[in-house]
Amino acid sequence: MVKAIQSVLTIVILLATGNASAMDFTVEALFKNKAMIKIDGKRVLLKAGQEKNGLTLVSTDTYKQVAIIEIDGKSDSYDLGRHIGGGYAKPEANEIMISADRKGSYFSNGQINGRSVNFLLDTGASSVAMSENIARGLGLDYLDETKKLMVATAGGNQVGYQVILREVSVGGIVLNNVEGIVIAGSSPSVTLLGMSFLSQLEIEQKQNLMVLRKKF
Protein backbone atom coordinates (compact mmCIF):
# COMPACT_ATOMS: atom_id res chain seq x y z
CA MET A 1 0.00 0.00 0.00
CA VAL A 2 2.81 2.41 0.88
CA LYS A 3 4.54 1.69 -2.43
CA ALA A 4 1.26 2.23 -4.28
CA ILE A 5 0.73 5.61 -2.59
CA GLN A 6 4.28 6.63 -3.40
CA SER A 7 3.71 5.69 -7.05
CA VAL A 8 0.53 7.75 -7.21
CA LEU A 9 2.31 10.73 -5.65
CA THR A 10 5.12 10.41 -8.16
CA ILE A 11 2.65 10.42 -11.05
CA VAL A 12 0.85 13.48 -9.66
CA ILE A 13 4.14 15.37 -9.26
CA LEU A 14 5.22 14.48 -12.79
CA LEU A 15 1.88 15.60 -14.20
CA ALA A 16 2.05 18.89 -12.32
CA THR A 17 5.57 19.52 -13.57
CA GLY A 18 4.54 18.67 -17.11
CA ASN A 19 1.64 21.14 -17.02
CA ALA A 20 3.84 23.97 -15.74
CA SER A 21 6.51 23.43 -18.38
CA ALA A 22 3.82 23.39 -21.08
CA MET A 23 2.53 26.82 -20.05
CA ASP A 24 2.06 29.19 -22.97
CA PHE A 25 2.42 32.92 -22.34
CA THR A 26 3.50 36.21 -23.87
CA VAL A 27 4.45 39.47 -22.13
CA GLU A 28 2.36 41.89 -24.21
CA ALA A 29 2.72 45.22 -22.38
CA LEU A 30 4.70 46.61 -19.47
CA PHE A 31 3.80 49.31 -16.96
CA LYS A 32 5.22 50.36 -13.61
CA ASN A 33 4.74 47.31 -11.34
CA LYS A 34 2.18 45.87 -13.79
CA ALA A 35 2.23 43.73 -16.92
CA MET A 36 -0.31 42.62 -19.51
CA ILE A 37 0.36 38.92 -20.07
CA LYS A 38 -1.44 36.52 -22.37
CA ILE A 39 -1.55 33.18 -20.55
CA ASP A 40 -2.81 30.17 -22.49
CA GLY A 41 -4.62 32.48 -24.90
CA LYS A 42 -6.24 34.76 -22.30
CA ARG A 43 -5.02 38.29 -21.51
CA VAL A 44 -4.65 39.23 -17.85
CA LEU A 45 -3.29 42.37 -16.19
CA LEU A 46 -1.11 41.35 -13.26
CA LYS A 47 0.28 43.56 -10.53
CA ALA A 48 3.65 42.78 -8.94
CA GLY A 49 3.10 39.89 -6.54
CA GLN A 50 -0.05 38.60 -8.22
CA GLU A 51 -0.31 35.00 -9.45
CA LYS A 52 -2.30 33.46 -12.29
CA ASN A 53 -2.24 29.82 -13.39
CA GLY A 54 1.06 29.18 -11.63
CA LEU A 55 2.73 32.31 -13.03
CA THR A 56 3.65 35.12 -10.61
CA LEU A 57 4.70 38.60 -11.70
CA VAL A 58 7.63 39.61 -9.50
CA SER A 59 8.49 43.00 -11.01
CA THR A 60 8.77 44.98 -14.25
CA ASP A 61 11.44 47.15 -15.83
CA THR A 62 9.89 49.45 -18.45
CA TYR A 63 13.29 50.85 -19.44
CA LYS A 64 14.84 47.45 -20.16
CA GLN A 65 11.46 46.19 -21.43
CA VAL A 66 11.49 43.03 -19.33
CA ALA A 67 9.26 41.37 -16.76
CA ILE A 68 10.58 39.24 -13.90
CA ILE A 69 8.30 36.23 -13.65
CA GLU A 70 8.32 33.33 -11.21
CA ILE A 71 7.26 29.85 -12.33
CA ASP A 72 7.64 26.73 -10.21
CA GLY A 73 9.61 28.74 -7.64
CA LYS A 74 12.15 29.94 -10.22
CA SER A 75 12.37 33.60 -11.26
CA ASP A 76 13.62 34.68 -14.68
CA SER A 77 13.43 37.73 -16.94
CA TYR A 78 11.25 37.70 -20.06
CA ASP A 79 11.52 40.27 -22.84
CA LEU A 80 8.49 42.23 -23.95
CA GLY A 81 6.77 40.46 -26.82
CA ARG A 82 8.63 37.20 -26.42
CA HIS A 83 6.34 34.19 -26.69
CA ILE A 84 7.04 31.30 -24.35
CA GLY A 85 5.61 27.95 -25.37
CA GLY A 86 5.82 24.41 -24.02
CA GLY A 87 9.28 23.72 -22.60
CA TYR A 88 9.92 27.48 -22.56
CA ALA A 89 11.01 27.59 -26.21
CA LYS A 90 11.27 31.13 -27.54
CA PRO A 91 9.96 31.41 -31.11
CA GLU A 92 9.60 34.68 -32.95
CA ALA A 93 6.72 36.95 -31.98
CA ASN A 94 4.10 38.21 -34.44
CA GLU A 95 3.02 41.19 -32.33
CA ILE A 96 4.56 43.27 -29.55
CA MET A 97 3.41 46.24 -27.49
CA ILE A 98 5.78 48.98 -26.36
CA SER A 99 4.73 51.49 -23.70
CA ALA A 100 5.66 55.17 -23.95
CA ASP A 101 7.88 56.82 -21.37
CA ARG A 102 6.87 60.00 -19.54
CA LYS A 103 7.98 62.12 -22.50
CA GLY A 104 5.93 60.08 -24.96
CA SER A 105 8.94 58.36 -26.53
CA TYR A 106 9.01 54.64 -27.28
CA PHE A 107 12.16 52.77 -26.25
CA SER A 108 12.75 49.06 -26.55
CA ASN A 109 15.61 46.65 -26.09
CA GLY A 110 16.54 44.61 -29.13
CA GLN A 111 19.41 43.11 -31.04
CA ILE A 112 21.45 43.81 -34.16
CA ASN A 113 23.28 40.79 -35.54
CA GLY A 114 22.77 39.04 -32.20
CA ARG A 115 24.19 41.86 -30.07
CA SER A 116 22.09 43.82 -27.57
CA VAL A 117 21.10 47.39 -28.35
CA ASN A 118 18.64 49.97 -27.02
CA PHE A 119 16.27 51.31 -29.69
CA LEU A 120 14.25 54.51 -29.92
CA LEU A 121 11.35 54.05 -32.33
CA ASP A 122 11.55 56.90 -34.85
CA THR A 123 9.15 57.00 -37.80
CA GLY A 124 10.94 60.14 -38.98
CA ALA A 125 14.16 58.22 -39.61
CA SER A 126 14.40 56.54 -43.00
CA SER A 127 16.72 53.78 -41.77
CA VAL A 128 18.00 52.12 -38.64
CA ALA A 129 20.49 54.84 -37.66
CA MET A 130 23.33 54.74 -35.16
CA SER A 131 26.53 56.55 -34.24
CA GLU A 132 30.02 55.31 -35.04
CA ASN A 133 30.51 54.57 -31.35
CA ILE A 134 27.55 52.20 -31.28
CA ALA A 135 28.52 50.63 -34.62
CA ARG A 136 32.00 49.82 -33.33
CA GLY A 137 30.54 48.28 -30.20
CA LEU A 138 28.37 46.06 -32.40
CA GLY A 139 31.38 45.04 -34.46
CA LEU A 140 29.99 46.44 -37.72
CA ASP A 141 32.32 46.80 -40.71
CA TYR A 142 30.96 50.06 -42.11
CA LEU A 143 33.95 52.05 -43.46
CA ASP A 144 33.26 51.55 -47.16
CA GLU A 145 33.92 54.66 -49.28
CA THR A 146 31.51 53.40 -51.95
CA LYS A 147 28.69 53.52 -49.35
CA LYS A 148 29.56 56.99 -48.06
CA LEU A 149 26.83 59.66 -48.06
CA MET A 150 25.70 62.83 -46.32
CA VAL A 151 23.04 62.54 -43.63
CA ALA A 152 20.80 65.39 -42.43
CA THR A 153 20.68 65.43 -38.62
CA ALA A 154 19.40 67.82 -35.96
CA GLY A 155 22.96 69.13 -35.63
CA GLY A 156 23.42 69.63 -39.38
CA ASN A 157 24.76 67.47 -42.18
CA GLN A 158 27.04 64.60 -41.17
CA VAL A 159 29.01 61.96 -43.01
CA GLY A 160 27.32 58.58 -42.94
CA TYR A 161 27.83 55.07 -44.26
CA GLN A 162 25.12 52.82 -45.59
CA VAL A 163 25.17 49.26 -44.25
CA ILE A 164 23.01 46.17 -44.47
CA LEU A 165 22.22 44.71 -41.06
CA ARG A 166 22.02 40.94 -41.26
CA GLU A 167 19.42 40.65 -38.51
CA VAL A 168 17.44 43.17 -36.47
CA SER A 169 15.10 42.04 -33.70
CA VAL A 170 12.79 43.86 -31.30
CA GLY A 171 10.74 42.07 -28.67
CA GLY A 172 10.83 38.81 -30.62
CA ILE A 173 10.04 40.30 -34.05
CA VAL A 174 12.99 39.43 -36.28
CA LEU A 175 13.76 40.89 -39.73
CA ASN A 176 16.72 40.12 -41.96
CA ASN A 177 18.81 42.29 -44.28
CA VAL A 178 17.63 45.64 -42.94
CA GLU A 179 19.13 48.87 -44.27
CA GLY A 180 21.08 50.89 -41.72
CA ILE A 181 23.07 54.12 -41.54
CA VAL A 182 26.19 54.66 -39.44
CA ILE A 183 26.66 58.38 -38.68
CA ALA A 184 30.13 59.80 -38.02
CA GLY A 185 30.66 60.89 -34.42
CA SER A 186 28.98 60.02 -31.15
CA SER A 187 25.44 61.10 -32.00
CA PRO A 188 22.76 59.80 -31.77
CA SER A 189 23.41 58.32 -28.33
CA VAL A 190 20.73 55.68 -28.89
CA THR A 191 20.03 53.63 -32.01
CA LEU A 192 17.06 54.93 -34.00
CA LEU A 193 14.69 52.22 -35.18
CA GLY A 194 13.63 53.83 -38.44
CA MET A 195 11.41 53.01 -41.39
CA SER A 196 13.70 50.46 -43.05
CA PHE A 197 12.51 48.23 -40.19
CA LEU A 198 9.16 49.75 -39.22
CA SER A 199 7.78 49.94 -42.78
CA GLN A 200 7.83 46.14 -42.89
CA LEU A 201 5.41 46.02 -39.96
CA GLU A 202 1.88 47.14 -39.23
CA ILE A 203 1.99 49.97 -36.68
CA GLU A 204 -0.92 50.84 -34.40
CA GLN A 205 -1.01 53.33 -31.55
CA LYS A 206 -3.33 52.72 -28.60
CA GLN A 207 -3.16 55.53 -26.04
CA ASN A 208 0.35 55.16 -24.57
CA LEU A 209 1.06 51.86 -26.32
CA MET A 210 2.71 51.29 -29.69
CA VAL A 211 1.69 47.99 -31.28
CA LEU A 212 4.06 46.48 -33.84
CA ARG A 213 2.65 43.59 -35.85
CA LYS A 214 4.23 41.42 -38.52
CA LYS A 215 2.64 41.62 -41.96
CA PHE A 216 1.47 38.33 -43.42
C-alpha atoms as a PDB file:
ATOM      1  CA  MET A   1       0.000   0.000   0.000  1.00  0.00           C
ATOM      2  CA  VAL A   2       2.814   2.415   0.877  1.00  0.00           C
ATOM      3  CA  LYS A   3       4.538   1.695  -2.429  1.00  0.00           C
ATOM      4  CA  ALA A   4       1.262   2.233  -4.280  1.00  0.00           C
ATOM      5  CA  ILE A   5       0.727   5.610  -2.589  1.00  0.00           C
ATOM      6  CA  GLN A   6       4.279   6.634  -3.399  1.00  0.00           C
ATOM      7  CA  SER A   7       3.714   5.692  -7.051  1.00  0.00           C
ATOM      8  CA  VAL A   8       0.528   7.751  -7.210  1.00  0.00           C
ATOM      9  CA  LEU A   9       2.306  10.733  -5.652  1.00  0.00           C
ATOM     10  CA  THR A  10       5.123  10.410  -8.161  1.00  0.00           C
ATOM     11  CA  ILE A  11       2.648  10.421 -11.048  1.00  0.00           C
ATOM     12  CA  VAL A  12       0.851  13.482  -9.660  1.00  0.00           C
ATOM     13  CA  ILE A  13       4.139  15.372  -9.257  1.00  0.00           C
ATOM     14  CA  LEU A  14       5.225  14.479 -12.792  1.00  0.00           C
ATOM     15  CA  LEU A  15       1.876  15.600 -14.197  1.00  0.00           C
ATOM     16  CA  ALA A  16       2.053  18.891 -12.319  1.00  0.00           C
ATOM     17  CA  THR A  17       5.573  19.524 -13.569  1.00  0.00           C
ATOM     18  CA  GLY A  18       4.538  18.666 -17.109  1.00  0.00           C
ATOM     19  CA  ASN A  19       1.645  21.139 -17.024  1.00  0.00           C
ATOM     20  CA  ALA A  20       3.844  23.968 -15.736  1.00  0.00           C
ATOM     21  CA  SER A  21       6.509  23.426 -18.383  1.00  0.00           C
ATOM     22  CA  ALA A  22       3.817  23.392 -21.078  1.00  0.00           C
ATOM     23  CA  MET A  23       2.527  26.825 -20.055  1.00  0.00           C
ATOM     24  CA  ASP A  24       2.060  29.187 -22.973  1.00  0.00           C
ATOM     25  CA  PHE A  25       2.421  32.918 -22.336  1.00  0.00           C
ATOM     26  CA  THR A  26       3.505  36.213 -23.867  1.00  0.00           C
ATOM     27  CA  VAL A  27       4.448  39.470 -22.134  1.00  0.00           C
ATOM     28  CA  GLU A  28       2.362  41.891 -24.213  1.00  0.00           C
ATOM     29  CA  ALA A  29       2.721  45.217 -22.380  1.00  0.00           C
ATOM     30  CA  LEU A  30       4.698  46.614 -19.465  1.00  0.00           C
ATOM     31  CA  PHE A  31       3.798  49.307 -16.956  1.00  0.00           C
ATOM     32  CA  LYS A  32       5.217  50.357 -13.607  1.00  0.00           C
ATOM     33  CA  ASN A  33       4.738  47.309 -11.343  1.00  0.00           C
ATOM     34  CA  LYS A  34       2.184  45.866 -13.790  1.00  0.00           C
ATOM     35  CA  ALA A  35       2.229  43.733 -16.918  1.00  0.00           C
ATOM     36  CA  MET A  36      -0.306  42.618 -19.507  1.00  0.00           C
ATOM     37  CA  ILE A  37       0.358  38.922 -20.069  1.00  0.00           C
ATOM     38  CA  LYS A  38      -1.444  36.518 -22.367  1.00  0.00           C
ATOM     39  CA  ILE A  39      -1.553  33.180 -20.547  1.00  0.00           C
ATOM     40  CA  ASP A  40      -2.811  30.169 -22.488  1.00  0.00           C
ATOM     41  CA  GLY A  41      -4.622  32.479 -24.897  1.00  0.00           C
ATOM     42  CA  LYS A  42      -6.243  34.763 -22.297  1.00  0.00           C
ATOM     43  CA  ARG A  43      -5.022  38.290 -21.507  1.00  0.00           C
ATOM     44  CA  VAL A  44      -4.647  39.229 -17.852  1.00  0.00           C
ATOM     45  CA  LEU A  45      -3.286  42.368 -16.190  1.00  0.00           C
ATOM     46  CA  LEU A  46      -1.107  41.350 -13.261  1.00  0.00           C
ATOM     47  CA  LYS A  47       0.285  43.560 -10.527  1.00  0.00           C
ATOM     48  CA  ALA A  48       3.650  42.775  -8.936  1.00  0.00           C
ATOM     49  CA  GLY A  49       3.104  39.888  -6.535  1.00  0.00           C
ATOM     50  CA  GLN A  50      -0.048  38.601  -8.221  1.00  0.00           C
ATOM     51  CA  GLU A  51      -0.314  35.002  -9.448  1.00  0.00           C
ATOM     52  CA  LYS A  52      -2.298  33.464 -12.289  1.00  0.00           C
ATOM     53  CA  ASN A  53      -2.242  29.822 -13.390  1.00  0.00           C
ATOM     54  CA  GLY A  54       1.060  29.182 -11.631  1.00  0.00           C
ATOM     55  CA  LEU A  55       2.731  32.308 -13.027  1.00  0.00           C
ATOM     56  CA  THR A  56       3.651  35.121 -10.611  1.00  0.00           C
ATOM     57  CA  LEU A  57       4.700  38.602 -11.701  1.00  0.00           C
ATOM     58  CA  VAL A  58       7.633  39.606  -9.504  1.00  0.00           C
ATOM     59  CA  SER A  59       8.490  43.002 -11.009  1.00  0.00           C
ATOM     60  CA  THR A  60       8.769  44.976 -14.251  1.00  0.00           C
ATOM     61  CA  ASP A  61      11.435  47.154 -15.835  1.00  0.00           C
ATOM     62  CA  THR A  62       9.894  49.449 -18.451  1.00  0.00           C
ATOM     63  CA  TYR A  63      13.294  50.849 -19.441  1.00  0.00           C
ATOM     64  CA  LYS A  64      14.843  47.451 -20.156  1.00  0.00           C
ATOM     65  CA  GLN A  65      11.455  46.190 -21.432  1.00  0.00           C
ATOM     66  CA  VAL A  66      11.492  43.030 -19.326  1.00  0.00           C
ATOM     67  CA  ALA A  67       9.260  41.373 -16.755  1.00  0.00           C
ATOM     68  CA  ILE A  68      10.583  39.238 -13.902  1.00  0.00           C
ATOM     69  CA  ILE A  69       8.302  36.226 -13.654  1.00  0.00           C
ATOM     70  CA  GLU A  70       8.321  33.325 -11.213  1.00  0.00           C
ATOM     71  CA  ILE A  71       7.260  29.854 -12.334  1.00  0.00           C
ATOM     72  CA  ASP A  72       7.640  26.728 -10.208  1.00  0.00           C
ATOM     73  CA  GLY A  73       9.611  28.744  -7.645  1.00  0.00           C
ATOM     74  CA  LYS A  74      12.150  29.939 -10.224  1.00  0.00           C
ATOM     75  CA  SER A  75      12.371  33.605 -11.258  1.00  0.00           C
ATOM     76  CA  ASP A  76      13.618  34.675 -14.676  1.00  0.00           C
ATOM     77  CA  SER A  77      13.432  37.727 -16.941  1.00  0.00           C
ATOM     78  CA  TYR A  78      11.253  37.704 -20.057  1.00  0.00           C
ATOM     79  CA  ASP A  79      11.519  40.265 -22.839  1.00  0.00           C
ATOM     80  CA  LEU A  80       8.492  42.233 -23.949  1.00  0.00           C
ATOM     81  CA  GLY A  81       6.766  40.463 -26.824  1.00  0.00           C
ATOM     82  CA  ARG A  82       8.630  37.197 -26.424  1.00  0.00           C
ATOM     83  CA  HIS A  83       6.341  34.190 -26.689  1.00  0.00           C
ATOM     84  CA  ILE A  84       7.045  31.298 -24.347  1.00  0.00           C
ATOM     85  CA  GLY A  85       5.610  27.946 -25.368  1.00  0.00           C
ATOM     86  CA  GLY A  86       5.822  24.412 -24.023  1.00  0.00           C
ATOM     87  CA  GLY A  87       9.275  23.724 -22.602  1.00  0.00           C
ATOM     88  CA  TYR A  88       9.925  27.481 -22.560  1.00  0.00           C
ATOM     89  CA  ALA A  89      11.013  27.586 -26.205  1.00  0.00           C
ATOM     90  CA  LYS A  90      11.266  31.132 -27.540  1.00  0.00           C
ATOM     91  CA  PRO A  91       9.960  31.406 -31.110  1.00  0.00           C
ATOM     92  CA  GLU A  92       9.599  34.682 -32.954  1.00  0.00           C
ATOM     93  CA  ALA A  93       6.720  36.946 -31.984  1.00  0.00           C
ATOM     94  CA  ASN A  94       4.105  38.212 -34.444  1.00  0.00           C
ATOM     95  CA  GLU A  95       3.020  41.189 -32.329  1.00  0.00           C
ATOM     96  CA  ILE A  96       4.556  43.267 -29.549  1.00  0.00           C
ATOM     97  CA  MET A  97       3.413  46.239 -27.487  1.00  0.00           C
ATOM     98  CA  ILE A  98       5.785  48.981 -26.355  1.00  0.00           C
ATOM     99  CA  SER A  99       4.731  51.489 -23.702  1.00  0.00           C
ATOM    100  CA  ALA A 100       5.659  55.170 -23.949  1.00  0.00           C
ATOM    101  CA  ASP A 101       7.878  56.818 -21.367  1.00  0.00           C
ATOM    102  CA  ARG A 102       6.868  60.002 -19.540  1.00  0.00           C
ATOM    103  CA  LYS A 103       7.975  62.121 -22.504  1.00  0.00           C
ATOM    104  CA  GLY A 104       5.932  60.081 -24.956  1.00  0.00           C
ATOM    105  CA  SER A 105       8.941  58.360 -26.526  1.00  0.00           C
ATOM    106  CA  TYR A 106       9.009  54.645 -27.277  1.00  0.00           C
ATOM    107  CA  PHE A 107      12.160  52.774 -26.248  1.00  0.00           C
ATOM    108  CA  SER A 108      12.755  49.060 -26.548  1.00  0.00           C
ATOM    109  CA  ASN A 109      15.614  46.648 -26.093  1.00  0.00           C
ATOM    110  CA  GLY A 110      16.539  44.606 -29.128  1.00  0.00           C
ATOM    111  CA  GLN A 111      19.413  43.110 -31.041  1.00  0.00           C
ATOM    112  CA  ILE A 112      21.448  43.810 -34.164  1.00  0.00           C
ATOM    113  CA  ASN A 113      23.279  40.786 -35.535  1.00  0.00           C
ATOM    114  CA  GLY A 114      22.772  39.036 -32.205  1.00  0.00           C
ATOM    115  CA  ARG A 115      24.187  41.860 -30.066  1.00  0.00           C
ATOM    116  CA  SER A 116      22.092  43.816 -27.574  1.00  0.00           C
ATOM    117  CA  VAL A 117      21.102  47.393 -28.348  1.00  0.00           C
ATOM    118  CA  ASN A 118      18.639  49.969 -27.015  1.00  0.00           C
ATOM    119  CA  PHE A 119      16.270  51.305 -29.687  1.00  0.00           C
ATOM    120  CA  LEU A 120      14.254  54.510 -29.922  1.00  0.00           C
ATOM    121  CA  LEU A 121      11.350  54.054 -32.329  1.00  0.00           C
ATOM    122  CA  ASP A 122      11.555  56.897 -34.852  1.00  0.00           C
ATOM    123  CA  THR A 123       9.146  56.996 -37.803  1.00  0.00           C
ATOM    124  CA  GLY A 124      10.940  60.145 -38.983  1.00  0.00           C
ATOM    125  CA  ALA A 125      14.164  58.221 -39.613  1.00  0.00           C
ATOM    126  CA  SER A 126      14.404  56.536 -43.005  1.00  0.00           C
ATOM    127  CA  SER A 127      16.716  53.780 -41.775  1.00  0.00           C
ATOM    128  CA  VAL A 128      17.996  52.124 -38.638  1.00  0.00           C
ATOM    129  CA  ALA A 129      20.488  54.842 -37.658  1.00  0.00           C
ATOM    130  CA  MET A 130      23.333  54.738 -35.157  1.00  0.00           C
ATOM    131  CA  SER A 131      26.529  56.552 -34.242  1.00  0.00           C
ATOM    132  CA  GLU A 132      30.019  55.313 -35.044  1.00  0.00           C
ATOM    133  CA  ASN A 133      30.508  54.571 -31.348  1.00  0.00           C
ATOM    134  CA  ILE A 134      27.549  52.200 -31.281  1.00  0.00           C
ATOM    135  CA  ALA A 135      28.522  50.628 -34.621  1.00  0.00           C
ATOM    136  CA  ARG A 136      32.005  49.824 -33.332  1.00  0.00           C
ATOM    137  CA  GLY A 137      30.536  48.277 -30.195  1.00  0.00           C
ATOM    138  CA  LEU A 138      28.374  46.065 -32.404  1.00  0.00           C
ATOM    139  CA  GLY A 139      31.385  45.037 -34.460  1.00  0.00           C
ATOM    140  CA  LEU A 140      29.994  46.443 -37.724  1.00  0.00           C
ATOM    141  CA  ASP A 141      32.325  46.802 -40.709  1.00  0.00           C
ATOM    142  CA  TYR A 142      30.963  50.063 -42.111  1.00  0.00           C
ATOM    143  CA  LEU A 143      33.954  52.049 -43.458  1.00  0.00           C
ATOM    144  CA  ASP A 144      33.261  51.553 -47.162  1.00  0.00           C
ATOM    145  CA  GLU A 145      33.920  54.662 -49.282  1.00  0.00           C
ATOM    146  CA  THR A 146      31.507  53.395 -51.947  1.00  0.00           C
ATOM    147  CA  LYS A 147      28.693  53.522 -49.349  1.00  0.00           C
ATOM    148  CA  LYS A 148      29.559  56.990 -48.058  1.00  0.00           C
ATOM    149  CA  LEU A 149      26.829  59.663 -48.059  1.00  0.00           C
ATOM    150  CA  MET A 150      25.695  62.829 -46.318  1.00  0.00           C
ATOM    151  CA  VAL A 151      23.038  62.538 -43.628  1.00  0.00           C
ATOM    152  CA  ALA A 152      20.798  65.386 -42.430  1.00  0.00           C
ATOM    153  CA  THR A 153      20.682  65.425 -38.618  1.00  0.00           C
ATOM    154  CA  ALA A 154      19.399  67.821 -35.961  1.00  0.00           C
ATOM    155  CA  GLY A 155      22.959  69.128 -35.633  1.00  0.00           C
ATOM    156  CA  GLY A 156      23.420  69.630 -39.383  1.00  0.00           C
ATOM    157  CA  ASN A 157      24.760  67.465 -42.185  1.00  0.00           C
ATOM    158  CA  GLN A 158      27.045  64.602 -41.169  1.00  0.00           C
ATOM    159  CA  VAL A 159      29.014  61.956 -43.011  1.00  0.00           C
ATOM    160  CA  GLY A 160      27.321  58.579 -42.936  1.00  0.00           C
ATOM    161  CA  TYR A 161      27.832  55.071 -44.256  1.00  0.00           C
ATOM    162  CA  GLN A 162      25.116  52.816 -45.592  1.00  0.00           C
ATOM    163  CA  VAL A 163      25.168  49.263 -44.249  1.00  0.00           C
ATOM    164  CA  ILE A 164      23.007  46.165 -44.471  1.00  0.00           C
ATOM    165  CA  LEU A 165      22.222  44.709 -41.059  1.00  0.00           C
ATOM    166  CA  ARG A 166      22.025  40.936 -41.262  1.00  0.00           C
ATOM    167  CA  GLU A 167      19.417  40.645 -38.508  1.00  0.00           C
ATOM    168  CA  VAL A 168      17.444  43.168 -36.472  1.00  0.00           C
ATOM    169  CA  SER A 169      15.103  42.041 -33.697  1.00  0.00           C
ATOM    170  CA  VAL A 170      12.791  43.860 -31.297  1.00  0.00           C
ATOM    171  CA  GLY A 171      10.738  42.065 -28.666  1.00  0.00           C
ATOM    172  CA  GLY A 172      10.825  38.811 -30.619  1.00  0.00           C
ATOM    173  CA  ILE A 173      10.040  40.299 -34.049  1.00  0.00           C
ATOM    174  CA  VAL A 174      12.991  39.431 -36.284  1.00  0.00           C
ATOM    175  CA  LEU A 175      13.758  40.890 -39.727  1.00  0.00           C
ATOM    176  CA  ASN A 176      16.716  40.121 -41.957  1.00  0.00           C
ATOM    177  CA  ASN A 177      18.814  42.295 -44.279  1.00  0.00           C
ATOM    178  CA  VAL A 178      17.635  45.643 -42.936  1.00  0.00           C
ATOM    179  CA  GLU A 179      19.129  48.874 -44.274  1.00  0.00           C
ATOM    180  CA  GLY A 180      21.083  50.891 -41.723  1.00  0.00           C
ATOM    181  CA  ILE A 181      23.072  54.123 -41.543  1.00  0.00           C
ATOM    182  CA  VAL A 182      26.187  54.665 -39.436  1.00  0.00           C
ATOM    183  CA  ILE A 183      26.659  58.383 -38.676  1.00  0.00           C
ATOM    184  CA  ALA A 184      30.127  59.796 -38.019  1.00  0.00           C
ATOM    185  CA  GLY A 185      30.664  60.892 -34.421  1.00  0.00           C
ATOM    186  CA  SER A 186      28.984  60.017 -31.145  1.00  0.00           C
ATOM    187  CA  SER A 187      25.442  61.103 -31.997  1.00  0.00           C
ATOM    188  CA  PRO A 188      22.763  59.795 -31.773  1.00  0.00           C
ATOM    189  CA  SER A 189      23.415  58.321 -28.333  1.00  0.00           C
ATOM    190  CA  VAL A 190      20.732  55.677 -28.887  1.00  0.00           C
ATOM    191  CA  THR A 191      20.029  53.631 -32.013  1.00  0.00           C
ATOM    192  CA  LEU A 192      17.058  54.928 -34.001  1.00  0.00           C
ATOM    193  CA  LEU A 193      14.689  52.218 -35.179  1.00  0.00           C
ATOM    194  CA  GLY A 194      13.630  53.831 -38.439  1.00  0.00           C
ATOM    195  CA  MET A 195      11.415  53.014 -41.385  1.00  0.00           C
ATOM    196  CA  SER A 196      13.704  50.461 -43.045  1.00  0.00           C
ATOM    197  CA  PHE A 197      12.509  48.227 -40.188  1.00  0.00           C
ATOM    198  CA  LEU A 198       9.158  49.749 -39.222  1.00  0.00           C
ATOM    199  CA  SER A 199       7.779  49.937 -42.783  1.00  0.00           C
ATOM    200  CA  GLN A 200       7.829  46.142 -42.893  1.00  0.00           C
ATOM    201  CA  LEU A 201       5.405  46.015 -39.957  1.00  0.00           C
ATOM    202  CA  GLU A 202       1.876  47.140 -39.230  1.00  0.00           C
ATOM    203  CA  ILE A 203       1.990  49.974 -36.677  1.00  0.00           C
ATOM    204  CA  GLU A 204      -0.919  50.840 -34.405  1.00  0.00           C
ATOM    205  CA  GLN A 205      -1.006  53.329 -31.545  1.00  0.00           C
ATOM    206  CA  LYS A 206      -3.328  52.723 -28.596  1.00  0.00           C
ATOM    207  CA  GLN A 207      -3.157  55.531 -26.040  1.00  0.00           C
ATOM    208  CA  ASN A 208       0.349  55.164 -24.572  1.00  0.00           C
ATOM    209  CA  LEU A 209       1.065  51.857 -26.323  1.00  0.00           C
ATOM    210  CA  MET A 210       2.710  51.289 -29.688  1.00  0.00           C
ATOM    211  CA  VAL A 211       1.689  47.994 -31.278  1.00  0.00           C
ATOM    212  CA  LEU A 212       4.060  46.480 -33.841  1.00  0.00           C
ATOM    213  CA  ARG A 213       2.654  43.594 -35.849  1.00  0.00           C
ATOM    214  CA  LYS A 214       4.232  41.416 -38.515  1.00  0.00           C
ATOM    215  CA  LYS A 215       2.641  41.622 -41.959  1.00  0.00           C
ATOM    216  CA  PHE A 216       1.473  38.333 -43.421  1.00  0.00           C
END
